[in-house]
C-alpha atoms as a PDB file:
ATOM      1  CA  UNK A   1      -0.033  -0.076  -0.035  1.00  0.00           C
ATOM      2  CA  UNK A   2       1.478   3.323  -0.981  1.00  0.00           C
ATOM      3  CA  UNK A   3       1.325   6.266   1.314  1.00  0.00           C
ATOM      4  CA  UNK A   4      -0.043   9.503  -0.443  1.00  0.00           C
ATOM      5  CA  UNK A   5       1.378  12.605   0.986  1.00  0.00           C
ATOM      6  CA  UNK A   6      -0.596  15.775   0.120  1.00  0.00           C
ATOM      7  CA  UNK A   7       1.854  18.622  -0.487  1.00  0.00           C
ATOM      8  CA  UNK A   8      -0.676  21.257   0.433  1.00  0.00           C
ATOM      9  CA  UNK A   9       0.059  21.195   4.176  1.00  0.00           C
ATOM     10  CA  UNK A  10       3.773  21.976   3.653  1.00  0.00           C
ATOM     11  CA  UNK A  11       2.822  24.645   1.162  1.00  0.00           C
ATOM     12  CA  UNK A  12       0.472  26.441   3.339  1.00  0.00           C
ATOM     13  CA  UNK A  13       3.022  26.213   6.214  1.00  0.00           C
ATOM     14  CA  UNK A  14       5.652  27.710   3.972  1.00  0.00           C
ATOM     15  CA  UNK A  15       3.355  30.535   2.988  1.00  0.00           C
ATOM     16  CA  UNK A  16       2.512  31.355   6.667  1.00  0.00           C
ATOM     17  CA  UNK A  17       6.240  31.124   7.677  1.00  0.00           C
ATOM     18  CA  UNK A  18       7.130  33.500   4.886  1.00  0.00           C
ATOM     19  CA  UNK A  19       4.493  35.997   6.027  1.00  0.00           C
ATOM     20  CA  UNK A  20       5.663  35.924   9.539  1.00  0.00           C
ATOM     21  CA  UNK A  21       9.450  36.109   8.710  1.00  0.00           C
ATOM     22  CA  UNK A  22       8.746  39.059   6.442  1.00  0.00           C
ATOM     23  CA  UNK A  23       6.536  40.770   8.940  1.00  0.00           C
ATOM     24  CA  UNK A  24       9.033  40.300  11.821  1.00  0.00           C
ATOM     25  CA  UNK A  25      11.941  41.608   9.733  1.00  0.00           C
ATOM     26  CA  UNK A  26       9.985  44.613   8.632  1.00  0.00           C
ATOM     27  CA  UNK A  27       8.667  45.486  12.056  1.00  0.00           C
ATOM     28  CA  UNK A  28      12.127  44.983  13.514  1.00  0.00           C
ATOM     29  CA  UNK A  29      13.887  46.976  10.725  1.00  0.00           C
ATOM     30  CA  UNK A  30      11.649  50.092  11.008  1.00  0.00           C
ATOM     31  CA  UNK A  31      11.460  50.058  14.814  1.00  0.00           C
ATOM     32  CA  UNK A  32      15.167  49.558  15.490  1.00  0.00           C
ATOM     33  CA  UNK A  33      17.033  51.322  12.603  1.00  0.00           C
ATOM     34  CA  UNK A  34      16.789  54.968  11.432  1.00  0.00           C
ATOM     35  CA  UNK A  35      18.812  55.451   8.164  1.00  0.00           C
ATOM     36  CA  UNK A  36      18.396  54.023   4.638  1.00  0.00           C
ATOM     37  CA  UNK A  37      21.821  52.156   5.030  1.00  0.00           C
ATOM     38  CA  UNK A  38      20.651  50.581   8.300  1.00  0.00           C
ATOM     39  CA  UNK A  39      17.350  49.416   6.549  1.00  0.00           C
ATOM     40  CA  UNK A  40      19.284  47.860   3.711  1.00  0.00           C
ATOM     41  CA  UNK A  41      21.593  45.990   6.004  1.00  0.00           C
ATOM     42  CA  UNK A  42      18.889  44.844   8.209  1.00  0.00           C
ATOM     43  CA  UNK A  43      16.799  43.490   5.411  1.00  0.00           C
ATOM     44  CA  UNK A  44      19.762  41.587   4.100  1.00  0.00           C
ATOM     45  CA  UNK A  45      19.345  39.175   6.883  1.00  0.00           C
ATOM     46  CA  UNK A  46      16.229  37.925   5.414  1.00  0.00           C
ATOM     47  CA  UNK A  47      17.973  36.812   2.222  1.00  0.00           C
ATOM     48  CA  UNK A  48      18.611  33.178   2.993  1.00  0.00           C
ATOM     49  CA  UNK A  49      15.261  32.261   4.832  1.00  0.00           C
ATOM     50  CA  UNK A  50      13.105  33.996   2.207  1.00  0.00           C
ATOM     51  CA  UNK A  51      15.161  32.689  -0.625  1.00  0.00           C
ATOM     52  CA  UNK A  52      14.693  29.185   0.605  1.00  0.00           C
ATOM     53  CA  UNK A  53      10.923  29.680   1.207  1.00  0.00           C
ATOM     54  CA  UNK A  54      10.541  31.301  -2.253  1.00  0.00           C
ATOM     55  CA  UNK A  55      12.339  28.425  -3.929  1.00  0.00           C
ATOM     56  CA  UNK A  56      10.188  25.912  -2.216  1.00  0.00           C
ATOM     57  CA  UNK A  57       7.066  27.762  -3.167  1.00  0.00           C
ATOM     58  CA  UNK A  58       8.146  28.049  -6.806  1.00  0.00           C
ATOM     59  CA  UNK A  59       9.172  24.475  -7.206  1.00  0.00           C
ATOM     60  CA  UNK A  60       6.109  22.970  -5.415  1.00  0.00           C
ATOM     61  CA  UNK A  61       3.890  25.342  -7.197  1.00  0.00           C
ATOM     62  CA  UNK A  62       5.195  24.366 -10.577  1.00  0.00           C
ATOM     63  CA  UNK A  63       4.710  20.726  -9.466  1.00  0.00           C
ATOM     64  CA  UNK A  64       1.123  21.453  -8.570  1.00  0.00           C
ATOM     65  CA  UNK A  65       0.578  23.163 -11.943  1.00  0.00           C
ATOM     66  CA  UNK A  66       1.749  20.102 -13.738  1.00  0.00           C
ATOM     67  CA  UNK A  67       0.248  17.316 -11.611  1.00  0.00           C
ATOM     68  CA  UNK A  68      -2.977  18.844 -10.117  1.00  0.00           C
ATOM     69  CA  UNK A  69      -2.695  16.928  -6.816  1.00  0.00           C
ATOM     70  CA  UNK A  70      -5.747  18.668  -5.237  1.00  0.00           C
ATOM     71  CA  UNK A  71      -9.462  17.713  -5.740  1.00  0.00           C
ATOM     72  CA  UNK A  72     -11.770  19.714  -7.942  1.00  0.00           C
ATOM     73  CA  UNK A  73     -11.281  23.294  -8.892  1.00  0.00           C
ATOM     74  CA  UNK A  74      -8.963  23.954  -5.950  1.00  0.00           C
ATOM     75  CA  UNK A  75      -5.915  23.333  -8.277  1.00  0.00           C
ATOM     76  CA  UNK A  76      -6.887  26.243 -10.401  1.00  0.00           C
ATOM     77  CA  UNK A  77      -7.486  28.535  -7.460  1.00  0.00           C
ATOM     78  CA  UNK A  78      -4.308  27.657  -5.557  1.00  0.00           C
ATOM     79  CA  UNK A  79      -1.726  26.602  -7.993  1.00  0.00           C
ATOM     80  CA  UNK A  80      -2.107  29.333 -10.633  1.00  0.00           C
ATOM     81  CA  UNK A  81      -0.754  31.994  -8.343  1.00  0.00           C
ATOM     82  CA  UNK A  82       1.414  30.012  -5.713  1.00  0.00           C
ATOM     83  CA  UNK A  83       4.492  29.572  -7.972  1.00  0.00           C
ATOM     84  CA  UNK A  84       4.209  33.425  -8.865  1.00  0.00           C
ATOM     85  CA  UNK A  85       4.357  34.016  -5.095  1.00  0.00           C
ATOM     86  CA  UNK A  86       7.434  31.983  -4.788  1.00  0.00           C
ATOM     87  CA  UNK A  87       9.016  33.590  -7.806  1.00  0.00           C
ATOM     88  CA  UNK A  88       8.114  37.058  -6.455  1.00  0.00           C
ATOM     89  CA  UNK A  89       9.879  36.249  -3.138  1.00  0.00           C
ATOM     90  CA  UNK A  90      12.869  35.141  -4.869  1.00  0.00           C
ATOM     91  CA  UNK A  91      12.963  38.355  -6.936  1.00  0.00           C
ATOM     92  CA  UNK A  92      12.456  40.497  -3.867  1.00  0.00           C
ATOM     93  CA  UNK A  93      15.281  38.940  -1.791  1.00  0.00           C
ATOM     94  CA  UNK A  94      17.690  39.050  -4.754  1.00  0.00           C
ATOM     95  CA  UNK A  95      16.905  42.738  -5.330  1.00  0.00           C
ATOM     96  CA  UNK A  96      17.483  43.442  -1.578  1.00  0.00           C
ATOM     97  CA  UNK A  97      20.768  41.463  -1.732  1.00  0.00           C
ATOM     98  CA  UNK A  98      22.001  43.382  -4.660  1.00  0.00           C
ATOM     99  CA  UNK A  99      20.717  46.770  -3.528  1.00  0.00           C
ATOM    100  CA  UNK A 100      18.407  47.246  -6.408  1.00  0.00           C
ATOM    101  CA  UNK A 101      15.401  49.481  -6.395  1.00  0.00           C
ATOM    102  CA  UNK A 102      12.165  47.707  -5.724  1.00  0.00           C
ATOM    103  CA  UNK A 103      10.017  50.091  -7.708  1.00  0.00           C
ATOM    104  CA  UNK A 104       9.382  47.669 -10.735  1.00  0.00           C
ATOM    105  CA  UNK A 105       8.747  44.781  -8.296  1.00  0.00           C
ATOM    106  CA  UNK A 106       6.092  46.924  -6.614  1.00  0.00           C
ATOM    107  CA  UNK A 107       4.494  47.607  -9.946  1.00  0.00           C
ATOM    108  CA  UNK A 108       4.519  43.808 -10.701  1.00  0.00           C
ATOM    109  CA  UNK A 109       2.901  43.241  -7.247  1.00  0.00           C
ATOM    110  CA  UNK A 110       0.189  45.669  -8.199  1.00  0.00           C
ATOM    111  CA  UNK A 111      -0.524  43.835 -11.397  1.00  0.00           C
ATOM    112  CA  UNK A 112      -0.652  40.439  -9.656  1.00  0.00           C
ATOM    113  CA  UNK A 113      -2.863  42.005  -6.992  1.00  0.00           C
ATOM    114  CA  UNK A 114      -5.386  42.860  -9.686  1.00  0.00           C
ATOM    115  CA  UNK A 115      -5.107  39.229 -10.851  1.00  0.00           C
ATOM    116  CA  UNK A 116      -5.899  38.013  -7.303  1.00  0.00           C
ATOM    117  CA  UNK A 117      -8.832  40.261  -6.974  1.00  0.00           C
ATOM    118  CA  UNK A 118     -10.146  38.614 -10.313  1.00  0.00           C
ATOM    119  CA  UNK A 119      -9.509  35.062  -9.005  1.00  0.00           C
ATOM    120  CA  UNK A 120     -11.450  35.762  -5.800  1.00  0.00           C
ATOM    121  CA  UNK A 121     -14.326  37.166  -7.679  1.00  0.00           C
ATOM    122  CA  UNK A 122     -14.324  34.420 -10.194  1.00  0.00           C
ATOM    123  CA  UNK A 123     -13.987  31.672  -7.558  1.00  0.00           C
ATOM    124  CA  UNK A 124     -16.886  33.111  -5.608  1.00  0.00           C
ATOM    125  CA  UNK A 125     -19.153  33.669  -8.570  1.00  0.00           C
ATOM    126  CA  UNK A 126     -18.549  30.165 -10.132  1.00  0.00           C
ATOM    127  CA  UNK A 127     -18.796  28.436  -6.707  1.00  0.00           C
ATOM    128  CA  UNK A 128     -15.280  26.985  -7.188  1.00  0.00           C
ATOM    129  CA  UNK A 129     -14.785  26.690  -3.450  1.00  0.00           C
ATOM    130  CA  UNK A 130     -16.834  25.754  -0.338  1.00  0.00           C
ATOM    131  CA  UNK A 131     -15.057  28.329   1.694  1.00  0.00           C
ATOM    132  CA  UNK A 132     -15.121  31.662  -0.078  1.00  0.00           C
ATOM    133  CA  UNK A 133     -13.946  33.442   3.014  1.00  0.00           C
ATOM    134  CA  UNK A 134     -10.944  31.320   3.280  1.00  0.00           C
ATOM    135  CA  UNK A 135     -10.233  31.883  -0.529  1.00  0.00           C
ATOM    136  CA  UNK A 136     -10.487  35.561   0.082  1.00  0.00           C
ATOM    137  CA  UNK A 137      -8.045  35.409   3.114  1.00  0.00           C
ATOM    138  CA  UNK A 138      -5.582  33.341   1.078  1.00  0.00           C
ATOM    139  CA  UNK A 139      -5.434  35.766  -1.716  1.00  0.00           C
ATOM    140  CA  UNK A 140      -5.620  38.752   0.486  1.00  0.00           C
ATOM    141  CA  UNK A 141      -2.676  37.788   2.532  1.00  0.00           C
ATOM    142  CA  UNK A 142      -0.725  36.744  -0.815  1.00  0.00           C
ATOM    143  CA  UNK A 143      -1.553  40.274  -2.032  1.00  0.00           C
ATOM    144  CA  UNK A 144      -0.287  41.850   1.176  1.00  0.00           C
ATOM    145  CA  UNK A 145       3.041  40.102   0.851  1.00  0.00           C
ATOM    146  CA  UNK A 146       3.379  41.045  -2.728  1.00  0.00           C
ATOM    147  CA  UNK A 147       2.666  44.711  -1.933  1.00  0.00           C
ATOM    148  CA  UNK A 148       4.214  44.983   1.450  1.00  0.00           C
ATOM    149  CA  UNK A 149       7.929  44.523   0.877  1.00  0.00           C
ATOM    150  CA  UNK A 150       8.437  46.311  -2.617  1.00  0.00           C
ATOM    151  CA  UNK A 151       6.868  49.503  -1.014  1.00  0.00           C
ATOM    152  CA  UNK A 152       9.319  49.685   1.955  1.00  0.00           C
ATOM    153  CA  UNK A 153      11.341  52.126  -0.087  1.00  0.00           C
ATOM    154  CA  UNK A 154      14.855  50.650   0.208  1.00  0.00           C
ATOM    155  CA  UNK A 155      16.614  51.885  -2.765  1.00  0.00           C
ATOM    156  CA  UNK A 156      19.983  53.074  -3.936  1.00  0.00           C
END
């Protein structure tokens, strides 16, 4: 008898951990440091954890796009945007590590935010989920992560 392991649990844990790591680092950065150089140096400590989480999200998200391991329409609602979140995290931490401006990533986050609003509305109107509030929370938190870091104005 083969043991089936659903990757969704680890993916949701990775998403939650990335939210908490990012929130902790931003709160710590803005409460402790006062200059732009201090901000940049403090945010560089998030490079390795967020790169690992972003890589995990991107790889397992692409796996989910190819295999569709979930039941029903949940594959469409979850795996269409999950790898984009992983790639977005990787892009953000590479930009922070190399002291690039995050302005374009902020614009990219805005565009993906509009896509998430469309997914929430489409999922709700087409009854693609039994938990529309959970769907809204998932996409709202994803949108917050995509919007929060690029707008912290750490630039050259």
